[in-house]
C-alpha cells in the first residue's frame, strides 16, 4: 500500500528536507539489504531510528529524487498521510503541496497500514 503522487514531476521534494521519518525494523532491514549500514543512514532519537539528514536533506535525496525509491521506508510510501495523535486518526499532512490531491477514500484505505506501522515502531499507538 502506498500513496502515489507525481512529486518529482512537479520538482517537489519538500518532505525530504529536514525529515524526521521514523523507521521500523522492517524499513531498516530493507535498506540494509541494499548494502547500507543503519548507523550511516539513520540516527536514534528517543529510542526510535529516523532517517539521517545531510546538509538539511534526507541522505537518500540525490538531484531532487530518492536514490532508494523502490526500497524507501513505509512512512515515505504513505506520505502525505500521517497519523494525528490528537485526532486519533490518519490525516493528510497539510505541509505537502499535493495534499489536496489525496481523496478521503485513499486516506481511509491506508489508515490501517499506517497504524500497524506505528505499532511496529513504538509498540503502541501514541
PDB file of N, CA and C in Angstrom:
ATOM      1  N   UNK A   1       0.861  -1.179   0.000  1.00  0.00           N
ATOM      2  CA  UNK A   1       0.000   0.000   0.000  1.00  0.00           C
ATOM      3  C   UNK A   1       0.895   1.226   0.000  1.00  0.00           C
ATOM      4  N   UNK A   2       0.607   2.160  -0.874  1.00  0.00           N
ATOM      5  CA  UNK A   2       1.343   3.416  -0.870  1.00  0.00           C
ATOM      6  C   UNK A   2       0.526   4.501  -1.541  1.00  0.00           C
ATOM      7  N   UNK A   3       0.931   5.723  -1.300  1.00  0.00           N
ATOM      8  CA  UNK A   3       0.322   6.882  -1.938  1.00  0.00           C
ATOM      9  C   UNK A   3       1.203   7.228  -3.133  1.00  0.00           C
ATOM     10  N   UNK A   4       0.604   7.430  -4.271  1.00  0.00           N
ATOM     11  CA  UNK A   4       1.387   7.781  -5.464  1.00  0.00           C
ATOM     12  C   UNK A   4       1.054   9.212  -5.877  1.00  0.00           C
ATOM     13  N   UNK A   5       2.041  10.063  -5.793  1.00  0.00           N
ATOM     14  CA  UNK A   5       1.926  11.444  -6.250  1.00  0.00           C
ATOM     15  C   UNK A   5       3.024  11.681  -7.275  1.00  0.00           C
ATOM     16  N   UNK A   6       2.848  12.638  -8.109  1.00  0.00           N
ATOM     17  CA  UNK A   6       3.869  12.963  -9.102  1.00  0.00           C
ATOM     18  C   UNK A   6       4.747  14.101  -8.605  1.00  0.00           C
ATOM     19  N   UNK A   7       5.341  13.879  -7.431  1.00  0.00           N
ATOM     20  CA  UNK A   7       6.152  14.911  -6.782  1.00  0.00           C
ATOM     21  C   UNK A   7       7.337  15.325  -7.643  1.00  0.00           C
ATOM     22  N   UNK A   8       8.043  14.350  -8.187  1.00  0.00           N
ATOM     23  CA  UNK A   8       9.242  14.689  -8.962  1.00  0.00           C
ATOM     24  C   UNK A   8       8.880  15.402 -10.253  1.00  0.00           C
ATOM     25  N   UNK A   9       7.685  15.113 -10.798  1.00  0.00           N
ATOM     26  CA  UNK A   9       7.238  15.838 -11.993  1.00  0.00           C
ATOM     27  C   UNK A   9       7.066  17.324 -11.684  1.00  0.00           C
ATOM     28  N   UNK A  10       6.716  17.608 -10.445  1.00  0.00           N
ATOM     29  CA  UNK A  10       6.496  18.988 -10.012  1.00  0.00           C
ATOM     30  C   UNK A  10       7.773  19.606  -9.448  1.00  0.00           C
ATOM     31  N   UNK A  11       8.831  18.805  -9.369  1.00  0.00           N
ATOM     32  CA  UNK A  11      10.085  19.295  -8.805  1.00  0.00           C
ATOM     33  C   UNK A  11      10.031  19.433  -7.296  1.00  0.00           C
ATOM     34  N   UNK A  12       9.095  18.731  -6.670  1.00  0.00           N
ATOM     35  CA  UNK A  12       8.926  18.852  -5.224  1.00  0.00           C
ATOM     36  C   UNK A  12       9.599  17.696  -4.499  1.00  0.00           C
ATOM     37  N   UNK A  13      10.252  18.022  -3.425  1.00  0.00           N
ATOM     38  CA  UNK A  13      10.809  17.039  -2.502  1.00  0.00           C
ATOM     39  C   UNK A  13      10.868  17.650  -1.102  1.00  0.00           C
ATOM     40  N   UNK A  14       9.892  18.502  -0.821  1.00  0.00           N
ATOM     41  CA  UNK A  14       9.852  19.206   0.461  1.00  0.00           C
ATOM     42  C   UNK A  14       9.817  18.246   1.651  1.00  0.00           C
ATOM     43  N   UNK A  15       9.176  17.086   1.487  1.00  0.00           N
ATOM     44  CA  UNK A  15       9.084  16.140   2.598  1.00  0.00           C
ATOM     45  C   UNK A  15      10.430  15.486   2.900  1.00  0.00           C
ATOM     46  N   UNK A  16      11.399  15.664   2.013  1.00  0.00           N
ATOM     47  CA  UNK A  16      12.743  15.097   2.204  1.00  0.00           C
ATOM     48  C   UNK A  16      13.700  16.101   2.850  1.00  0.00           C
ATOM     49  N   UNK A  17      13.208  17.305   3.104  1.00  0.00           N
ATOM     50  CA  UNK A  17      14.019  18.352   3.727  1.00  0.00           C
ATOM     51  C   UNK A  17      13.739  18.335   5.232  1.00  0.00           C
ATOM     52  N   UNK A  18      14.830  18.267   6.017  1.00  0.00           N
ATOM     53  CA  UNK A  18      14.714  18.183   7.481  1.00  0.00           C
ATOM     54  C   UNK A  18      13.746  17.071   7.884  1.00  0.00           C
ATOM     55  N   UNK A  19      13.854  15.938   7.221  1.00  0.00           N
ATOM     56  CA  UNK A  19      12.956  14.823   7.508  1.00  0.00           C
ATOM     57  C   UNK A  19      13.177  14.280   8.914  1.00  0.00           C
ATOM     58  N   UNK A  20      12.102  13.821   9.493  1.00  0.00           N
ATOM     59  CA  UNK A  20      12.141  13.133  10.786  1.00  0.00           C
ATOM     60  C   UNK A  20      11.440  11.788  10.628  1.00  0.00           C
ATOM     61  N   UNK A  21      11.603  11.203   9.421  1.00  0.00           N
ATOM     62  CA  UNK A  21      10.908   9.955   9.095  1.00  0.00           C
ATOM     63  C   UNK A  21      11.360   8.827  10.014  1.00  0.00           C
ATOM     64  N   UNK A  22      10.394   8.274  10.741  1.00  0.00           N
ATOM     65  CA  UNK A  22      10.662   7.185  11.673  1.00  0.00           C
ATOM     66  C   UNK A  22      10.725   5.871  10.903  1.00  0.00           C
ATOM     67  N   UNK A  23      11.619   5.004  11.342  1.00  0.00           N
ATOM     68  CA  UNK A  23      11.870   3.760  10.643  1.00  0.00           C
ATOM     69  C   UNK A  23      11.530   2.549  11.499  1.00  0.00           C
ATOM     70  N   UNK A  24      10.838   1.614  10.900  1.00  0.00           N
ATOM     71  CA  UNK A  24      10.569   0.342  11.573  1.00  0.00           C
ATOM     72  C   UNK A  24      11.763  -0.578  11.351  1.00  0.00           C
ATOM     73  N   UNK A  25      11.799  -1.661  12.078  1.00  0.00           N
ATOM     74  CA  UNK A  25      12.863  -2.649  11.874  1.00  0.00           C
ATOM     75  C   UNK A  25      12.801  -3.187  10.446  1.00  0.00           C
ATOM     76  N   UNK A  26      11.604  -3.350   9.923  1.00  0.00           N
ATOM     77  CA  UNK A  26      11.432  -3.812   8.539  1.00  0.00           C
ATOM     78  C   UNK A  26      12.052  -2.801   7.561  1.00  0.00           C
ATOM     79  N   UNK A  27      11.832  -1.497   7.790  1.00  0.00           N
ATOM     80  CA  UNK A  27      12.439  -0.460   6.947  1.00  0.00           C
ATOM     81  C   UNK A  27      13.960  -0.559   7.006  1.00  0.00           C
ATOM     82  N   UNK A  28      14.474  -0.678   8.216  1.00  0.00           N
ATOM     83  CA  UNK A  28      15.920  -0.738   8.412  1.00  0.00           C
ATOM     84  C   UNK A  28      16.528  -1.921   7.665  1.00  0.00           C
ATOM     85  N   UNK A  29      15.901  -3.073   7.791  1.00  0.00           N
ATOM     86  CA  UNK A  29      16.419  -4.269   7.122  1.00  0.00           C
ATOM     87  C   UNK A  29      16.323  -4.159   5.601  1.00  0.00           C
ATOM     88  N   UNK A  30      15.239  -3.567   5.094  1.00  0.00           N
ATOM     89  CA  UNK A  30      15.083  -3.393   3.650  1.00  0.00           C
ATOM     90  C   UNK A  30      16.210  -2.524   3.093  1.00  0.00           C
ATOM     91  N   UNK A  31      16.517  -1.441   3.791  1.00  0.00           N
ATOM     92  CA  UNK A  31      17.574  -0.536   3.317  1.00  0.00           C
ATOM     93  C   UNK A  31      18.947  -1.182   3.503  1.00  0.00           C
ATOM     94  N   UNK A  32      19.122  -1.899   4.600  1.00  0.00           N
ATOM     95  CA  UNK A  32      20.389  -2.612   4.807  1.00  0.00           C
ATOM     96  C   UNK A  32      20.628  -3.653   3.707  1.00  0.00           C
ATOM     97  N   UNK A  33      19.562  -4.244   3.185  1.00  0.00           N
ATOM     98  CA  UNK A  33      19.710  -5.249   2.121  1.00  0.00           C
ATOM     99  C   UNK A  33      20.277  -4.641   0.839  1.00  0.00           C
ATOM    100  N   UNK A  34      20.255  -3.316   0.754  1.00  0.00           N
ATOM    101  CA  UNK A  34      20.843  -2.610  -0.392  1.00  0.00           C
ATOM    102  C   UNK A  34      22.336  -2.368  -0.199  1.00  0.00           C
ATOM    103  N   UNK A  35      22.841  -2.743   0.989  1.00  0.00           N
ATOM    104  CA  UNK A  35      24.263  -2.584   1.273  1.00  0.00           C
ATOM    105  C   UNK A  35      24.594  -1.415   2.186  1.00  0.00           C
ATOM    106  N   UNK A  36      23.580  -0.752   2.711  1.00  0.00           N
ATOM    107  CA  UNK A  36      23.802   0.367   3.623  1.00  0.00           C
ATOM    108  C   UNK A  36      23.848  -0.124   5.065  1.00  0.00           C
ATOM    109  N   UNK A  37      24.597   0.587   5.910  1.00  0.00           N
ATOM    110  CA  UNK A  37      24.655   0.313   7.336  1.00  0.00           C
ATOM    111  C   UNK A  37      23.676   1.245   8.044  1.00  0.00           C
ATOM    112  N   UNK A  38      22.850   0.704   8.920  1.00  0.00           N
ATOM    113  CA  UNK A  38      21.830   1.525   9.589  1.00  0.00           C
ATOM    114  C   UNK A  38      22.419   2.707  10.347  1.00  0.00           C
ATOM    115  N   UNK A  39      23.636   2.577  10.834  1.00  0.00           N
ATOM    116  CA  UNK A  39      24.263   3.689  11.544  1.00  0.00           C
ATOM    117  C   UNK A  39      24.706   4.801  10.600  1.00  0.00           C
ATOM    118  N   UNK A  40      24.777   4.509   9.319  1.00  0.00           N
ATOM    119  CA  UNK A  40      25.124   5.528   8.324  1.00  0.00           C
ATOM    120  C   UNK A  40      23.891   6.262   7.805  1.00  0.00           C
ATOM    121  N   UNK A  41      22.765   5.542   7.646  1.00  0.00           N
ATOM    122  CA  UNK A  41      21.582   6.177   7.042  1.00  0.00           C
ATOM    123  C   UNK A  41      20.518   6.592   8.049  1.00  0.00           C
ATOM    124  N   UNK A  42      20.739   6.273   9.339  1.00  0.00           N
ATOM    125  CA  UNK A  42      19.744   6.650  10.341  1.00  0.00           C
ATOM    126  C   UNK A  42      20.424   7.057  11.641  1.00  0.00           C
ATOM    127  N   UNK A  43      19.664   7.755  12.456  1.00  0.00           N
ATOM    128  CA  UNK A  43      20.110   8.136  13.797  1.00  0.00           C
ATOM    129  C   UNK A  43      19.014   7.738  14.776  1.00  0.00           C
ATOM    130  N   UNK A  44      19.400   7.515  16.022  1.00  0.00           N
ATOM    131  CA  UNK A  44      18.414   7.169  17.039  1.00  0.00           C
ATOM    132  C   UNK A  44      18.054   8.419  17.831  1.00  0.00           C
ATOM    133  N   UNK A  45      16.750   8.670  17.933  1.00  0.00           N
ATOM    134  CA  UNK A  45      16.241   9.805  18.690  1.00  0.00           C
ATOM    135  C   UNK A  45      15.155   9.263  19.623  1.00  0.00           C
ATOM    136  N   UNK A  46      15.359   9.415  20.909  1.00  0.00           N
ATOM    137  CA  UNK A  46      14.397   8.928  21.906  1.00  0.00           C
ATOM    138  C   UNK A  46      14.028   7.466  21.675  1.00  0.00           C
ATOM    139  N   UNK A  47      15.015   6.651  21.327  1.00  0.00           N
ATOM    140  CA  UNK A  47      14.802   5.224  21.163  1.00  0.00           C
ATOM    141  C   UNK A  47      14.222   4.800  19.828  1.00  0.00           C
ATOM    142  N   UNK A  48      14.024   5.751  18.919  1.00  0.00           N
ATOM    143  CA  UNK A  48      13.445   5.462  17.602  1.00  0.00           C
ATOM    144  C   UNK A  48      14.447   5.863  16.526  1.00  0.00           C
ATOM    145  N   UNK A  49      14.630   5.012  15.548  1.00  0.00           N
ATOM    146  CA  UNK A  49      15.508   5.321  14.423  1.00  0.00           C
ATOM    147  C   UNK A  49      14.769   6.201  13.427  1.00  0.00           C
ATOM    148  N   UNK A  50      15.448   7.270  12.970  1.00  0.00           N
ATOM    149  CA  UNK A  50      14.900   8.146  11.937  1.00  0.00           C
ATOM    150  C   UNK A  50      15.939   8.306  10.839  1.00  0.00           C
ATOM    151  N   UNK A  51      15.468   8.659   9.646  1.00  0.00           N
ATOM    152  CA  UNK A  51      16.389   8.874   8.536  1.00  0.00           C
ATOM    153  C   UNK A  51      17.358   9.997   8.864  1.00  0.00           C
ATOM    154  N   UNK A  52      18.593   9.825   8.464  1.00  0.00           N
ATOM    155  CA  UNK A  52      19.643  10.817   8.678  1.00  0.00           C
ATOM    156  C   UNK A  52      19.500  11.937   7.637  1.00  0.00           C
ATOM    157  N   UNK A  53      19.722  13.161   8.082  1.00  0.00           N
ATOM    158  CA  UNK A  53      19.771  14.323   7.193  1.00  0.00           C
ATOM    159  C   UNK A  53      21.235  14.718   6.988  1.00  0.00           C
ATOM    160  N   UNK A  54      21.569  15.057   5.787  1.00  0.00           N
ATOM    161  CA  UNK A  54      22.886  15.593   5.438  1.00  0.00           C
ATOM    162  C   UNK A  54      22.635  16.961   4.794  1.00  0.00           C
ATOM    163  N   UNK A  55      23.236  17.986   5.349  1.00  0.00           N
ATOM    164  CA  UNK A  55      23.005  19.355   4.867  1.00  0.00           C
ATOM    165  C   UNK A  55      21.511  19.682   4.798  1.00  0.00           C
ATOM    166  N   UNK A  56      20.752  19.193   5.791  1.00  0.00           N
ATOM    167  CA  UNK A  56      19.338  19.525   5.902  1.00  0.00           C
ATOM    168  C   UNK A  56      18.406  18.715   5.017  1.00  0.00           C
ATOM    169  N   UNK A  57      18.933  17.690   4.339  1.00  0.00           N
ATOM    170  CA  UNK A  57      18.094  16.882   3.455  1.00  0.00           C
ATOM    171  C   UNK A  57      18.327  15.409   3.726  1.00  0.00           C
ATOM    172  N   UNK A  58      17.328  14.605   3.421  1.00  0.00           N
ATOM    173  CA  UNK A  58      17.464  13.160   3.593  1.00  0.00           C
ATOM    174  C   UNK A  58      18.712  12.672   2.873  1.00  0.00           C
ATOM    175  N   UNK A  59      19.440  11.834   3.540  1.00  0.00           N
ATOM    176  CA  UNK A  59      20.658  11.242   2.992  1.00  0.00           C
ATOM    177  C   UNK A  59      20.440  10.642   1.604  1.00  0.00           C
ATOM    178  N   UNK A  60      19.247  10.116   1.345  1.00  0.00           N
ATOM    179  CA  UNK A  60      18.980   9.443   0.078  1.00  0.00           C
ATOM    180  C   UNK A  60      18.461  10.374  -1.018  1.00  0.00           C
ATOM    181  N   UNK A  61      18.283  11.646  -0.726  1.00  0.00           N
ATOM    182  CA  UNK A  61      17.839  12.596  -1.742  1.00  0.00           C
ATOM    183  C   UNK A  61      19.023  13.000  -2.606  1.00  0.00           C
ATOM    184  N   UNK A  62      18.969  12.636  -3.873  1.00  0.00           N
ATOM    185  CA  UNK A  62      20.047  12.936  -4.829  1.00  0.00           C
ATOM    186  C   UNK A  62      19.438  13.609  -6.053  1.00  0.00           C
ATOM    187  N   UNK A  63      19.888  14.804  -6.344  1.00  0.00           N
ATOM    188  CA  UNK A  63      19.390  15.546  -7.514  1.00  0.00           C
ATOM    189  C   UNK A  63      17.860  15.635  -7.522  1.00  0.00           C
ATOM    190  N   UNK A  64      17.292  15.862  -6.339  1.00  0.00           N
ATOM    191  CA  UNK A  64      15.847  16.052  -6.233  1.00  0.00           C
ATOM    192  C   UNK A  64      15.027  14.776  -6.284  1.00  0.00           C
ATOM    193  N   UNK A  65      15.680  13.609  -6.257  1.00  0.00           N
ATOM    194  CA  UNK A  65      14.952  12.342  -6.299  1.00  0.00           C
ATOM    195  C   UNK A  65      15.495  11.377  -5.250  1.00  0.00           C
ATOM    196  N   UNK A  66      14.642  10.447  -4.843  1.00  0.00           N
ATOM    197  CA  UNK A  66      15.033   9.446  -3.860  1.00  0.00           C
ATOM    198  C   UNK A  66      15.883   8.378  -4.539  1.00  0.00           C
ATOM    199  N   UNK A  67      17.098   8.194  -4.039  1.00  0.00           N
ATOM    200  CA  UNK A  67      18.014   7.225  -4.645  1.00  0.00           C
ATOM    201  C   UNK A  67      17.676   5.780  -4.273  1.00  0.00           C
ATOM    202  N   UNK A  68      16.759   5.586  -3.315  1.00  0.00           N
ATOM    203  CA  UNK A  68      16.326   4.227  -2.944  1.00  0.00           C
ATOM    204  C   UNK A  68      14.806   4.112  -3.089  1.00  0.00           C
ATOM    205  N   UNK A  69      14.241   4.814  -4.041  1.00  0.00           N
ATOM    206  CA  UNK A  69      12.786   4.944  -4.182  1.00  0.00           C
ATOM    207  C   UNK A  69      12.052   3.612  -4.047  1.00  0.00           C
ATOM    208  N   UNK A  70      12.479   2.580  -4.747  1.00  0.00           N
ATOM    209  CA  UNK A  70      11.777   1.294  -4.707  1.00  0.00           C
ATOM    210  C   UNK A  70      11.907   0.593  -3.354  1.00  0.00           C
ATOM    211  N   UNK A  71      12.850   1.015  -2.531  1.00  0.00           N
ATOM    212  CA  UNK A  71      13.065   0.422  -1.211  1.00  0.00           C
ATOM    213  C   UNK A  71      12.874   1.424  -0.092  1.00  0.00           C
ATOM    214  N   UNK A  72      12.271   2.552  -0.380  1.00  0.00           N
ATOM    215  CA  UNK A  72      12.123   3.618   0.620  1.00  0.00           C
ATOM    216  C   UNK A  72      11.258   3.160   1.794  1.00  0.00           C
ATOM    217  N   UNK A  73      11.394   3.817   2.937  1.00  0.00           N
ATOM    218  CA  UNK A  73      10.630   3.450   4.132  1.00  0.00           C
ATOM    219  C   UNK A  73       9.118   3.525   3.898  1.00  0.00           C
ATOM    220  N   UNK A  74       8.389   2.728   4.660  1.00  0.00           N
ATOM    221  CA  UNK A  74       6.938   2.712   4.525  1.00  0.00           C
ATOM    222  C   UNK A  74       6.335   4.089   4.795  1.00  0.00           C
ATOM    223  N   UNK A  75       6.859   4.807   5.781  1.00  0.00           N
ATOM    224  CA  UNK A  75       6.343   6.151   6.062  1.00  0.00           C
ATOM    225  C   UNK A  75       6.453   7.066   4.854  1.00  0.00           C
ATOM    226  N   UNK A  76       7.517   6.913   4.085  1.00  0.00           N
ATOM    227  CA  UNK A  76       7.686   7.697   2.856  1.00  0.00           C
ATOM    228  C   UNK A  76       6.663   7.267   1.805  1.00  0.00           C
ATOM    229  N   UNK A  77       6.370   5.990   1.762  1.00  0.00           N
ATOM    230  CA  UNK A  77       5.398   5.454   0.804  1.00  0.00           C
ATOM    231  C   UNK A  77       3.993   5.953   1.101  1.00  0.00           C
ATOM    232  N   UNK A  78       3.687   6.136   2.381  1.00  0.00           N
ATOM    233  CA  UNK A  78       2.342   6.552   2.789  1.00  0.00           C
ATOM    234  C   UNK A  78       2.173   8.069   2.819  1.00  0.00           C
ATOM    235  N   UNK A  79       3.263   8.794   2.883  1.00  0.00           N
ATOM    236  CA  UNK A  79       3.198  10.256   2.957  1.00  0.00           C
ATOM    237  C   UNK A  79       2.500  10.807   1.707  1.00  0.00           C
ATOM    238  N   UNK A  80       1.634  11.794   1.853  1.00  0.00           N
ATOM    239  CA  UNK A  80       1.431  12.721   2.961  1.00  0.00           C
ATOM    240  C   UNK A  80       0.381  12.304   3.989  1.00  0.00           C
ATOM    241  N   UNK A  81      -0.040  11.034   3.968  1.00  0.00           N
ATOM    242  CA  UNK A  81      -0.949  10.575   5.013  1.00  0.00           C
ATOM    243  C   UNK A  81      -0.114  10.278   6.252  1.00  0.00           C
ATOM    244  N   UNK A  82      -0.494  10.903   7.353  1.00  0.00           N
ATOM    245  CA  UNK A  82       0.200  10.757   8.628  1.00  0.00           C
ATOM    246  C   UNK A  82      -0.842  10.498   9.715  1.00  0.00           C
ATOM    247  N   UNK A  83      -0.379  10.049  10.875  1.00  0.00           N
ATOM    248  CA  UNK A  83      -1.287   9.800  11.993  1.00  0.00           C
ATOM    249  C   UNK A  83      -1.312  11.019  12.898  1.00  0.00           C
ATOM    250  N   UNK A  84      -2.501  11.556  13.135  1.00  0.00           N
ATOM    251  CA  UNK A  84      -2.686  12.694  14.027  1.00  0.00           C
ATOM    252  C   UNK A  84      -2.983  12.159  15.418  1.00  0.00           C
ATOM    253  N   UNK A  85      -2.033  12.327  16.329  1.00  0.00           N
ATOM    254  CA  UNK A  85      -2.156  11.785  17.684  1.00  0.00           C
ATOM    255  C   UNK A  85      -3.348  12.395  18.413  1.00  0.00           C
ATOM    256  N   UNK A  86      -3.593  13.685  18.227  1.00  0.00           N
ATOM    257  CA  UNK A  86      -4.703  14.341  18.917  1.00  0.00           C
ATOM    258  C   UNK A  86      -6.057  13.860  18.402  1.00  0.00           C
ATOM    259  N   UNK A  87      -6.182  13.705  17.087  1.00  0.00           N
ATOM    260  CA  UNK A  87      -7.448  13.275  16.489  1.00  0.00           C
ATOM    261  C   UNK A  87      -7.610  11.758  16.496  1.00  0.00           C
ATOM    262  N   UNK A  88      -6.501  11.040  16.766  1.00  0.00           N
ATOM    263  CA  UNK A  88      -6.500   9.571  16.803  1.00  0.00           C
ATOM    264  C   UNK A  88      -6.964   8.964  15.471  1.00  0.00           C
ATOM    265  N   UNK A  89      -6.464   9.559  14.372  1.00  0.00           N
ATOM    266  CA  UNK A  89      -6.805   9.033  13.052  1.00  0.00           C
ATOM    267  C   UNK A  89      -5.798   9.526  12.018  1.00  0.00           C
ATOM    268  N   UNK A  90      -5.849   8.910  10.858  1.00  0.00           N
ATOM    269  CA  UNK A  90      -4.982   9.318   9.757  1.00  0.00           C
ATOM    270  C   UNK A  90      -5.535  10.591   9.123  1.00  0.00           C
ATOM    271  N   UNK A  91      -4.626  11.480   8.786  1.00  0.00           N
ATOM    272  CA  UNK A  91      -4.978  12.740   8.127  1.00  0.00           C
ATOM    273  C   UNK A  91      -3.921  13.020   7.056  1.00  0.00           C
ATOM    274  N   UNK A  92      -4.213  13.985   6.206  1.00  0.00           N
ATOM    275  CA  UNK A  92      -3.218  14.409   5.225  1.00  0.00           C
ATOM    276  C   UNK A  92      -2.418  15.547   5.838  1.00  0.00           C
ATOM    277  N   UNK A  93      -1.094  15.413   5.776  1.00  0.00           N
ATOM    278  CA  UNK A  93      -0.202  16.430   6.312  1.00  0.00           C
ATOM    279  C   UNK A  93      -0.309  17.663   5.424  1.00  0.00           C
ATOM    280  N   UNK A  94      -0.781  18.759   5.994  1.00  0.00           N
ATOM    281  CA  UNK A  94      -1.022  19.956   5.178  1.00  0.00           C
ATOM    282  C   UNK A  94       0.261  20.635   4.714  1.00  0.00           C
ATOM    283  N   UNK A  95       1.400  20.162   5.174  1.00  0.00           N
ATOM    284  CA  UNK A  95       2.683  20.687   4.719  1.00  0.00           C
ATOM    285  C   UNK A  95       2.925  20.339   3.245  1.00  0.00           C
ATOM    286  N   UNK A  96       2.390  19.219   2.800  1.00  0.00           N
ATOM    287  CA  UNK A  96       2.609  18.727   1.445  1.00  0.00           C
ATOM    288  C   UNK A  96       1.854  19.582   0.426  1.00  0.00           C
ATOM    289  N   UNK A  97       2.564  20.109  -0.572  1.00  0.00           N
ATOM    290  CA  UNK A  97       1.901  20.917  -1.605  1.00  0.00           C
ATOM    291  C   UNK A  97       0.856  20.137  -2.407  1.00  0.00           C
ATOM    292  N   UNK A  98       0.939  18.808  -2.417  1.00  0.00           N
ATOM    293  CA  UNK A  98      -0.021  17.975  -3.152  1.00  0.00           C
ATOM    294  C   UNK A  98      -1.117  17.413  -2.250  1.00  0.00           C
ATOM    295  N   UNK A  99      -1.210  17.893  -1.031  1.00  0.00           N
ATOM    296  CA  UNK A  99      -2.156  17.346  -0.054  1.00  0.00           C
ATOM    297  C   UNK A  99      -3.596  17.335  -0.571  1.00  0.00           C
ATOM    298  N   UNK A 100      -3.989  18.349  -1.296  1.00  0.00           N
ATOM    299  CA  UNK A 100      -5.365  18.453  -1.785  1.00  0.00           C
ATOM    300  C   UNK A 100      -5.705  17.359  -2.797  1.00  0.00           C
ATOM    301  N   UNK A 101      -4.695  16.696  -3.351  1.00  0.00           N
ATOM    302  CA  UNK A 101      -4.927  15.639  -4.337  1.00  0.00           C
ATOM    303  C   UNK A 101      -5.333  14.317  -3.706  1.00  0.00           C
ATOM    304  N   UNK A 102      -5.228  14.190  -2.383  1.00  0.00           N
ATOM    305  CA  UNK A 102      -5.479  12.922  -1.712  1.00  0.00           C
ATOM    306  C   UNK A 102      -6.951  12.846  -1.302  1.00  0.00           C
ATOM    307  N   UNK A 103      -7.720  11.947  -1.917  1.00  0.00           N
ATOM    308  CA  UNK A 103      -9.130  11.822  -1.542  1.00  0.00           C
ATOM    309  C   UNK A 103      -9.289  11.133  -0.183  1.00  0.00           C
ATOM    310  N   UNK A 104     -10.372  11.434   0.501  1.00  0.00           N
ATOM    311  CA  UNK A 104     -10.655  10.849   1.809  1.00  0.00           C
ATOM    312  C   UNK A 104     -10.664   9.325   1.721  1.00  0.00           C
ATOM    313  N   UNK A 105     -11.160   8.774   0.639  1.00  0.00           N
ATOM    314  CA  UNK A 105     -11.203   7.319   0.487  1.00  0.00           C
ATOM    315  C   UNK A 105      -9.801   6.715   0.521  1.00  0.00           C
ATOM    316  N   UNK A 106      -8.829   7.396  -0.032  1.00  0.00           N
ATOM    317  CA  UNK A 106      -7.440   6.906  -0.027  1.00  0.00           C
ATOM    318  C   UNK A 106      -6.869   6.980   1.392  1.00  0.00           C
ATOM    319  N   UNK A 107      -7.192   8.034   2.112  1.00  0.00           N
ATOM    320  CA  UNK A 107      -6.726   8.175   3.496  1.00  0.00           C
ATOM    321  C   UNK A 107      -7.245   6.996   4.319  1.00  0.00           C
ATOM    322  N   UNK A 108      -8.513   6.689   4.165  1.00  0.00           N
ATOM    323  CA  UNK A 108      -9.117   5.579   4.905  1.00  0.00           C
ATOM    324  C   UNK A 108      -8.474   4.250   4.526  1.00  0.00           C
ATOM    325  N   UNK A 109      -8.129   4.073   3.246  1.00  0.00           N
ATOM    326  CA  UNK A 109      -7.541   2.814   2.796  1.00  0.00           C
ATOM    327  C   UNK A 109      -6.159   2.582   3.379  1.00  0.00           C
ATOM    328  N   UNK A 110      -5.383   3.631   3.593  1.00  0.00           N
ATOM    329  CA  UNK A 110      -4.026   3.451   4.111  1.00  0.00           C
ATOM    330  C   UNK A 110      -3.947   3.559   5.634  1.00  0.00           C
ATOM    331  N   UNK A 111      -5.032   3.975   6.274  1.00  0.00           N
ATOM    332  CA  UNK A 111      -5.005   4.186   7.724  1.00  0.00           C
ATOM    333  C   UNK A 111      -4.597   2.929   8.490  1.00  0.00           C
ATOM    334  N   UNK A 112      -5.134   1.787   8.143  1.00  0.00           N
ATOM    335  CA  UNK A 112      -4.810   0.548   8.849  1.00  0.00           C
ATOM    336  C   UNK A 112      -3.320   0.219   8.710  1.00  0.00           C
ATOM    337  N   UNK A 113      -2.775   0.392   7.499  1.00  0.00           N
ATOM    338  CA  UNK A 113      -1.349   0.154   7.268  1.00  0.00           C
ATOM    339  C   UNK A 113      -0.510   1.106   8.096  1.00  0.00           C
ATOM    340  N   UNK A 114      -0.915   2.369   8.148  1.00  0.00           N
ATOM    341  CA  UNK A 114      -0.193   3.378   8.913  1.00  0.00           C
ATOM    342  C   UNK A 114      -0.200   3.047  10.408  1.00  0.00           C
ATOM    343  N   UNK A 115      -1.342   2.656  10.926  1.00  0.00           N
ATOM    344  CA  UNK A 115      -1.444   2.333  12.351  1.00  0.00           C
ATOM    345  C   UNK A 115      -0.570   1.119  12.683  1.00  0.00           C
ATOM    346  N   UNK A 116      -0.578   0.114  11.843  1.00  0.00           N
ATOM    347  CA  UNK A 116       0.278  -1.058  12.061  1.00  0.00           C
ATOM    348  C   UNK A 116       1.748  -0.648  12.032  1.00  0.00           C
ATOM    349  N   UNK A 117       2.109   0.233  11.117  1.00  0.00           N
ATOM    350  CA  UNK A 117       3.486   0.715  11.007  1.00  0.00           C
ATOM    351  C   UNK A 117       3.903   1.440  12.295  1.00  0.00           C
ATOM    352  N   UNK A 118       3.041   2.271  12.823  1.00  0.00           N
ATOM    353  CA  UNK A 118       3.347   2.995  14.062  1.00  0.00           C
ATOM    354  C   UNK A 118       3.517   2.007  15.219  1.00  0.00           C
ATOM    355  N   UNK A 119       2.667   0.994  15.271  1.00  0.00           N
ATOM    356  CA  UNK A 119       2.796  -0.030  16.319  1.00  0.00           C
ATOM    357  C   UNK A 119       4.114  -0.782  16.175  1.00  0.00           C
ATOM    358  N   UNK A 120       4.532  -1.028  14.927  1.00  0.00           N
ATOM    359  CA  UNK A 120       5.819  -1.699  14.704  1.00  0.00           C
ATOM    360  C   UNK A 120       6.982  -0.856  15.225  1.00  0.00           C
ATOM    361  N   UNK A 121       6.866   0.441  15.130  1.00  0.00           N
ATOM    362  CA  UNK A 121       7.937   1.345  15.556  1.00  0.00           C
ATOM    363  C   UNK A 121       7.928   1.526  17.077  1.00  0.00           C
ATOM    364  N   UNK A 122       6.765   1.847  17.632  1.00  0.00           N
ATOM    365  CA  UNK A 122       6.661   2.212  19.041  1.00  0.00           C
ATOM    366  C   UNK A 122       6.167   1.087  19.953  1.00  0.00           C
ATOM    367  N   UNK A 123       5.518   0.093  19.363  1.00  0.00           N
ATOM    368  CA  UNK A 123       4.914  -0.958  20.170  1.00  0.00           C
ATOM    369  C   UNK A 123       3.500  -0.607  20.627  1.00  0.00           C
ATOM    370  N   UNK A 124       3.058   0.605  20.333  1.00  0.00           N
ATOM    371  CA  UNK A 124       1.723   1.073  20.713  1.00  0.00           C
ATOM    372  C   UNK A 124       1.386   2.285  19.848  1.00  0.00           C
ATOM    373  N   UNK A 125       0.153   2.740  19.947  1.00  0.00           N
ATOM    374  CA  UNK A 125      -0.275   3.960  19.246  1.00  0.00           C
ATOM    375  C   UNK A 125      -0.252   5.098  20.262  1.00  0.00           C
ATOM    376  N   UNK A 126       0.572   6.118  20.009  1.00  0.00           N
ATOM    377  CA  UNK A 126       0.655   7.240  20.968  1.00  0.00           C
ATOM    378  C   UNK A 126      -0.667   7.984  21.119  1.00  0.00           C
TER     379      UNK A 126
END
